[in-house]
Amino acid sequence: MVERGPTNRCSGRLATSQWSTPPTKARVFISCGQNRNSDEIAVAKAIADSLSGLGYDPYIAVQEQTLRGLTQNIFRQLADSEYLIFIDSRREQLANSTDYRGSLFSHQELAIAAFLDLDVLAFQEAGVLRLDGIMRFLQTNAIEFAARTSLPQLVSAKVRERGWAPSWRKTLRLERDPAQFTDAVSVDSQGRPAGIRWFFHASVINQHKSLVAAHAYVYLDRLAKADGSAPLQMRTIELKWAGYIYPNAVVRPGTSRDFDCCWIHEQYPSVARFNVFADSTDYMPVIQGPGDFQLSFMALADGFSPQSLDLTLTLGNTLDDARLVPA
């Protein structure tokens, strides 16, 4: 059967709604001292507040005492961040020198940020030994400050000056507009009309400001009845991108591409099928309703972490009963 369309039985276009996800905020990792006998914690919170006012999502690094805490908190937050604010606070005076040691913990976080290729703004308290530790190997051009209380305003000014952008993330995002569907007129092998199909789509959005999401694929990762029973058996297979004939696609920075979640024929309104790249029916999932079903989709692309989207599919006795909404 061949699709001819798309059209919409109601208006000739995609059905849409005002539904949308919250705006994206770039994450800023604030690496600074946590000496409880000083004003460092209060200054860090003030910096976080100033960055929040600029539209960023700040995270204040807290010193961890266990390997589990490091891997689950510090390392994960660094890996997920778009930017790093490095505050090198003054510690004890070095022997036979007028200089002071900087913050060892912050230098370790700076080293990890360098490995992750994060964009860094570095600030160094007056008196700290310049180009100490990893600083000698990185061209961070640390900005010197004298009074810690001036840091929130100084950081905000330098963030603007550097041209950082608060409305992006180095991730993919999956979205589904619950009111979206596309009608397509099916034709048989003789070219005669063979009924209407409803296609439900979702979007893969590249939130990165400059990185192309190459070799992007989408999979139906999980399929189960909504009553909590065991997942339905299926095989891993690539889903089809909307209007595109290859299993992998490119999603340019700041743009999105739609994929086919599933489709329903008006003559079989309680059955949902999937557009997949397979030449065997063993790899072609079919949902038999009526009923409610839980679907989980996963998107993969080079340089991006896998991202999922959980949806609830409702199948009834007519085509108008069909719904695909966020779970």
Protein backbone atom coordinates (compact mmCIF):
# COMPACT_ATOMS: atom_id res chain seq x y z
CA MET A 1 0.00 0.00 0.00
CA VAL A 2 1.23 3.48 -0.89
CA GLU A 3 0.61 6.67 1.05
CA ARG A 4 -0.72 9.69 -0.76
CA GLY A 5 -0.68 12.81 1.35
CA PRO A 6 -0.23 13.95 3.99
CA THR A 7 -3.61 15.60 4.50
CA ASN A 8 -5.78 16.17 7.51
CA ARG A 9 -9.40 15.09 7.46
CA CYS A 10 -10.35 18.15 9.55
CA SER A 11 -8.36 21.07 8.18
CA GLY A 12 -5.95 19.85 5.51
CA ARG A 13 -2.96 20.32 7.84
CA LEU A 14 -1.36 18.81 10.90
CA ALA A 15 -3.54 19.00 13.96
CA THR A 16 -1.70 20.98 16.64
CA SER A 17 -2.17 22.24 20.18
CA GLN A 18 -0.51 24.76 22.50
CA TRP A 19 1.27 21.97 24.42
CA SER A 20 5.03 22.42 24.79
CA THR A 21 7.85 21.57 27.19
CA PRO A 22 9.53 24.10 29.51
CA PRO A 23 12.33 26.14 27.91
CA THR A 24 15.84 24.69 28.01
CA LYS A 25 18.45 26.21 30.32
CA ALA A 26 22.21 25.75 29.95
CA ARG A 27 23.78 24.16 33.03
CA VAL A 28 26.69 25.92 34.75
CA PHE A 29 28.94 23.97 37.12
CA ILE A 30 30.28 26.30 39.83
CA SER A 31 33.59 24.99 41.14
CA CYS A 32 34.63 26.90 44.25
CA GLY A 33 35.83 26.49 47.80
CA GLN A 34 33.50 25.17 50.48
CA ASN A 35 35.34 26.30 53.62
CA ARG A 36 32.64 26.54 56.27
CA ASN A 37 34.77 28.89 58.34
CA SER A 38 34.72 31.53 55.62
CA ASP A 39 32.26 33.32 53.35
CA GLU A 40 32.92 30.91 50.44
CA ILE A 41 29.59 29.05 50.65
CA ALA A 42 27.59 32.28 50.81
CA VAL A 43 29.54 33.71 47.85
CA ALA A 44 28.92 30.53 45.83
CA LYS A 45 25.17 30.79 46.47
CA ALA A 46 25.22 34.46 45.44
CA ILE A 47 26.99 33.51 42.19
CA ALA A 48 24.36 30.83 41.57
CA ASP A 49 21.57 33.36 42.15
CA SER A 50 23.15 35.80 39.69
CA LEU A 51 23.45 33.09 37.03
CA SER A 52 19.85 32.01 37.61
CA GLY A 53 18.84 35.61 36.98
CA LEU A 54 20.58 35.42 33.61
CA GLY A 55 18.59 32.33 32.65
CA TYR A 56 21.10 29.58 33.49
CA ASP A 57 20.71 26.43 35.57
CA PRO A 58 23.60 26.58 38.10
CA TYR A 59 25.00 23.76 40.20
CA ILE A 60 27.28 24.38 43.18
CA ALA A 61 29.90 21.68 43.56
CA VAL A 62 29.98 20.25 47.07
CA GLN A 63 33.05 18.42 48.30
CA GLU A 64 32.41 14.68 48.42
CA GLN A 65 34.12 12.31 50.83
CA THR A 66 33.34 9.00 49.09
CA LEU A 67 33.99 7.55 45.64
CA ARG A 68 30.26 6.90 45.27
CA GLY A 69 29.54 10.56 45.92
CA LEU A 70 32.15 11.62 43.38
CA THR A 71 30.83 9.40 40.61
CA GLN A 72 27.14 10.00 41.26
CA ASN A 73 27.29 13.73 41.96
CA ILE A 74 30.44 15.58 40.94
CA PHE A 75 31.43 13.56 37.87
CA ARG A 76 27.86 13.26 36.60
CA GLN A 77 27.14 16.97 37.06
CA LEU A 78 30.36 17.87 35.26
CA ALA A 79 29.56 15.53 32.37
CA ASP A 80 26.07 17.02 32.06
CA SER A 81 27.11 20.69 32.25
CA GLU A 82 27.59 23.08 29.37
CA TYR A 83 29.79 25.60 31.21
CA LEU A 84 32.19 25.75 34.16
CA ILE A 85 32.85 28.64 36.53
CA PHE A 86 36.21 27.99 38.20
CA ILE A 87 36.89 29.92 41.42
CA ASP A 88 40.45 29.45 42.72
CA SER A 89 40.29 30.62 46.34
CA ARG A 90 43.30 31.37 48.45
CA ARG A 91 44.46 28.70 50.90
CA GLU A 92 47.61 28.50 53.09
CA GLN A 93 50.74 30.44 52.26
CA LEU A 94 53.45 28.49 50.47
CA ALA A 95 56.76 27.99 52.26
CA ASN A 96 59.46 30.54 51.44
CA SER A 97 57.05 32.45 49.19
CA THR A 98 54.66 35.38 49.21
CA ASP A 99 52.18 33.32 47.18
CA TYR A 100 49.36 31.13 48.43
CA ARG A 101 48.14 27.71 47.39
CA GLY A 102 44.87 27.54 45.50
CA SER A 103 41.93 25.20 45.98
CA LEU A 104 43.05 21.60 45.28
CA PHE A 105 39.49 20.33 44.88
CA SER A 106 38.61 23.03 42.34
CA HIS A 107 41.78 22.27 40.36
CA GLN A 108 40.72 18.62 40.14
CA GLU A 109 37.31 19.66 38.79
CA LEU A 110 39.03 21.98 36.30
CA ALA A 111 41.09 19.03 35.04
CA ILE A 112 37.93 16.97 34.47
CA ALA A 113 36.25 19.93 32.74
CA ALA A 114 39.27 20.24 30.43
CA PHE A 115 38.96 16.56 29.53
CA LEU A 116 35.25 17.07 28.81
CA ASP A 117 36.06 20.15 26.72
CA LEU A 118 33.73 22.43 28.70
CA ASP A 119 33.74 26.17 28.11
CA VAL A 120 35.48 27.62 31.20
CA LEU A 121 35.56 31.01 32.89
CA ALA A 122 38.33 31.06 35.51
CA PHE A 123 38.68 33.43 38.46
CA GLN A 124 41.67 33.49 40.78
CA GLU A 125 41.92 35.25 44.12
CA ALA A 126 44.72 37.79 44.48
CA GLY A 127 47.80 36.20 46.00
CA VAL A 128 47.20 32.67 44.65
CA LEU A 129 50.22 31.29 42.81
CA ARG A 130 49.64 31.94 39.12
CA LEU A 131 49.87 29.04 36.68
CA ASP A 132 49.92 26.50 39.51
CA GLY A 133 48.89 22.88 38.94
CA ILE A 134 46.89 22.25 35.80
CA MET A 135 46.59 26.01 35.21
CA ARG A 136 50.04 25.98 33.60
CA PHE A 137 48.80 23.59 30.90
CA LEU A 138 45.51 25.33 30.13
CA GLN A 139 45.04 28.69 28.49
CA THR A 140 42.28 29.78 30.85
CA ASN A 141 43.52 33.37 31.36
CA ALA A 142 42.21 33.49 34.91
CA ILE A 143 40.61 36.77 35.98
CA GLU A 144 42.02 38.06 39.24
CA PHE A 145 39.73 39.27 42.02
CA ALA A 146 40.49 40.85 45.38
CA ALA A 147 37.18 40.85 47.27
CA ARG A 148 35.08 37.69 47.23
CA THR A 149 31.92 39.73 47.69
CA SER A 150 32.54 41.26 44.25
CA LEU A 151 32.46 37.84 42.55
CA PRO A 152 28.72 37.54 41.77
CA GLN A 153 28.70 40.81 39.83
CA LEU A 154 32.08 40.07 38.22
CA VAL A 155 31.03 36.58 37.13
CA SER A 156 27.79 37.87 35.59
CA ALA A 157 29.65 40.58 33.70
CA LYS A 158 32.22 38.14 32.31
CA VAL A 159 29.53 35.62 31.32
CA ARG A 160 27.86 38.34 29.22
CA GLU A 161 31.21 39.47 27.84
CA ARG A 162 32.18 35.91 26.84
CA GLY A 163 28.90 35.56 24.95
CA TRP A 164 27.64 32.50 26.77
CA ALA A 165 24.09 31.50 25.81
CA PRO A 166 21.61 30.27 28.45
CA SER A 167 19.11 28.60 26.10
CA TRP A 168 20.86 25.44 24.92
CA ARG A 169 22.05 22.07 26.17
CA LYS A 170 24.36 19.42 24.77
CA THR A 171 21.53 16.92 24.66
CA LEU A 172 18.75 15.65 22.48
CA ARG A 173 15.16 16.08 23.62
CA LEU A 174 12.13 14.06 22.55
CA GLU A 175 8.71 15.71 22.41
CA ARG A 176 5.22 14.69 21.41
CA ASP A 177 2.32 17.08 20.87
CA PRO A 178 -0.72 15.10 22.10
CA ALA A 179 -3.02 16.71 19.52
CA GLN A 180 -0.79 16.01 16.52
CA PHE A 181 -1.80 13.50 13.84
CA THR A 182 -1.46 13.29 10.08
CA ASP A 183 -4.00 11.76 7.71
CA ALA A 184 -2.71 9.86 4.70
CA VAL A 185 -4.93 8.34 1.99
CA SER A 186 -3.95 4.75 1.27
CA VAL A 187 -4.21 3.28 -2.22
CA ASP A 188 -4.12 -0.35 -3.31
CA SER A 189 -1.96 -1.87 -6.03
CA GLN A 190 -4.45 -0.65 -8.64
CA GLY A 191 -4.29 2.94 -7.41
CA ARG A 192 -7.75 2.84 -5.86
CA PRO A 193 -8.45 4.55 -2.49
CA ALA A 194 -8.12 2.06 0.36
CA GLY A 195 -9.01 4.09 3.42
CA ILE A 196 -7.44 6.61 5.77
CA ARG A 197 -4.45 6.04 8.01
CA TRP A 198 -3.68 8.15 11.04
CA PHE A 199 0.03 8.73 11.64
CA PHE A 200 1.28 9.85 15.05
CA HIS A 201 4.67 11.57 15.16
CA ALA A 202 7.13 12.78 17.79
CA SER A 203 10.12 15.09 17.45
CA VAL A 204 13.83 14.65 18.17
CA ILE A 205 15.23 18.07 19.03
CA ASN A 206 18.94 18.88 18.94
CA GLN A 207 19.45 21.34 21.81
CA HIS A 208 23.17 21.87 21.14
CA LYS A 209 24.20 25.32 19.93
CA SER A 210 26.73 24.05 17.37
CA LEU A 211 27.10 20.24 17.34
CA VAL A 212 25.34 18.26 14.61
CA ALA A 213 23.52 15.13 15.79
CA ALA A 214 24.80 12.76 13.09
CA HIS A 215 23.73 9.15 12.56
CA ALA A 216 20.56 9.67 14.59
CA TYR A 217 18.34 6.62 15.09
CA VAL A 218 15.05 6.05 16.91
CA TYR A 219 13.92 2.78 18.48
CA LEU A 220 10.80 1.48 20.19
CA ASP A 221 12.56 0.60 23.43
CA ARG A 222 9.67 -0.83 25.45
CA LEU A 223 6.07 -1.86 24.86
CA ALA A 224 3.67 -2.92 27.61
CA LYS A 225 0.04 -2.82 28.61
CA ALA A 226 -0.84 0.08 30.89
CA ASP A 227 -2.18 -2.29 33.56
CA GLY A 228 1.37 -3.04 34.68
CA SER A 229 1.60 -6.50 33.20
CA ALA A 230 4.84 -7.84 31.71
CA PRO A 231 6.24 -5.99 28.66
CA LEU A 232 5.15 -7.34 25.29
CA GLN A 233 7.80 -9.25 23.37
CA MET A 234 9.47 -7.43 20.48
CA ARG A 235 12.80 -7.23 18.70
CA THR A 236 15.12 -4.26 18.38
CA ILE A 237 14.55 -2.51 15.06
CA GLU A 238 15.02 1.01 13.69
CA LEU A 239 11.93 3.19 13.28
CA LYS A 240 11.30 5.39 10.26
CA TRP A 241 11.85 9.14 10.19
CA ALA A 242 8.81 11.04 8.91
CA GLY A 243 9.03 11.67 5.18
CA TYR A 244 12.49 10.10 4.94
CA ILE A 245 13.57 6.78 3.45
CA TYR A 246 16.73 5.97 5.44
CA PRO A 247 17.05 4.63 9.02
CA ASN A 248 19.55 7.27 10.18
CA ALA A 249 19.30 11.02 9.82
CA VAL A 250 21.08 14.27 10.70
CA VAL A 251 19.54 16.71 13.16
CA ARG A 252 21.17 20.12 12.82
CA PRO A 253 21.88 22.29 15.89
CA GLY A 254 18.78 23.99 17.23
CA THR A 255 16.44 22.08 14.90
CA SER A 256 14.22 19.00 15.10
CA ARG A 257 13.14 16.04 12.99
CA ASP A 258 9.92 14.05 13.33
CA PHE A 259 9.73 10.26 13.42
CA ASP A 260 6.77 7.91 12.99
CA CYS A 261 5.62 6.68 16.39
CA CYS A 262 2.86 4.45 14.98
CA TRP A 263 -0.08 4.44 12.57
CA ILE A 264 -3.69 3.23 12.63
CA HIS A 265 -5.95 2.31 9.69
CA GLU A 266 -9.56 3.46 9.87
CA GLN A 267 -10.77 -0.06 8.99
CA TYR A 268 -8.83 -1.51 11.95
CA PRO A 269 -9.01 1.24 14.61
CA SER A 270 -8.02 -1.03 17.51
CA VAL A 271 -4.71 -2.05 15.89
CA ALA A 272 -1.54 0.06 15.88
CA ARG A 273 1.39 -0.67 13.60
CA PHE A 274 4.90 0.74 13.20
CA ASN A 275 6.99 1.87 10.24
CA VAL A 276 10.25 -0.05 10.66
CA PHE A 277 13.25 -0.99 8.54
CA ALA A 278 12.72 -4.75 8.37
CA ASP A 279 12.08 -7.45 5.80
CA SER A 280 10.65 -9.93 8.32
CA THR A 281 7.32 -9.75 10.15
CA ASP A 282 9.16 -10.97 13.28
CA TYR A 283 10.61 -7.45 13.51
CA MET A 284 7.34 -5.58 12.91
CA PRO A 285 5.58 -4.86 16.22
CA VAL A 286 1.77 -4.82 16.23
CA ILE A 287 -0.43 -3.62 19.10
CA GLN A 288 -3.85 -5.24 19.38
CA GLY A 289 -6.44 -3.26 21.34
CA PRO A 290 -8.78 -1.93 22.48
CA GLY A 291 -6.92 -0.78 25.57
CA ASP A 292 -4.15 1.43 26.91
CA PHE A 293 -0.48 0.73 26.23
CA GLN A 294 2.83 2.14 27.44
CA LEU A 295 5.38 2.94 24.72
CA SER A 296 8.96 4.04 25.35
CA PHE A 297 11.01 5.45 22.48
CA MET A 298 14.77 6.01 22.50
CA ALA A 299 16.86 8.31 20.28
CA LEU A 300 20.59 7.83 19.68
CA ALA A 301 23.11 10.02 17.84
CA ASP A 302 26.88 10.38 17.62
CA GLY A 303 28.23 12.52 20.45
CA PHE A 304 24.95 12.57 22.40
CA SER A 305 23.66 10.51 25.31
CA PRO A 306 20.60 8.32 24.62
CA GLN A 307 17.30 10.06 25.41
CA SER A 308 13.88 8.51 25.99
CA LEU A 309 10.24 9.49 25.64
CA ASP A 310 7.43 7.64 27.43
CA LEU A 311 3.96 7.78 25.87
CA THR A 312 0.56 6.25 26.52
CA LEU A 313 -1.33 4.91 23.51
CA THR A 314 -5.11 4.49 23.72
CA LEU A 315 -6.87 2.32 21.14
CA GLY A 316 -10.66 2.13 20.92
CA ASN A 317 -13.33 0.96 18.54
CA THR A 318 -13.13 3.94 16.19
CA LEU A 319 -10.30 6.00 14.78
CA ASP A 320 -11.44 9.02 16.80
CA ASP A 321 -10.81 7.04 20.02
CA ALA A 322 -7.07 6.83 19.31
CA ARG A 323 -4.76 8.93 21.51
CA LEU A 324 -1.00 9.13 21.99
CA VAL A 325 -0.08 11.34 24.92
CA PRO A 326 2.90 11.77 27.29
CA ALA A 327 2.84 9.15 30.03
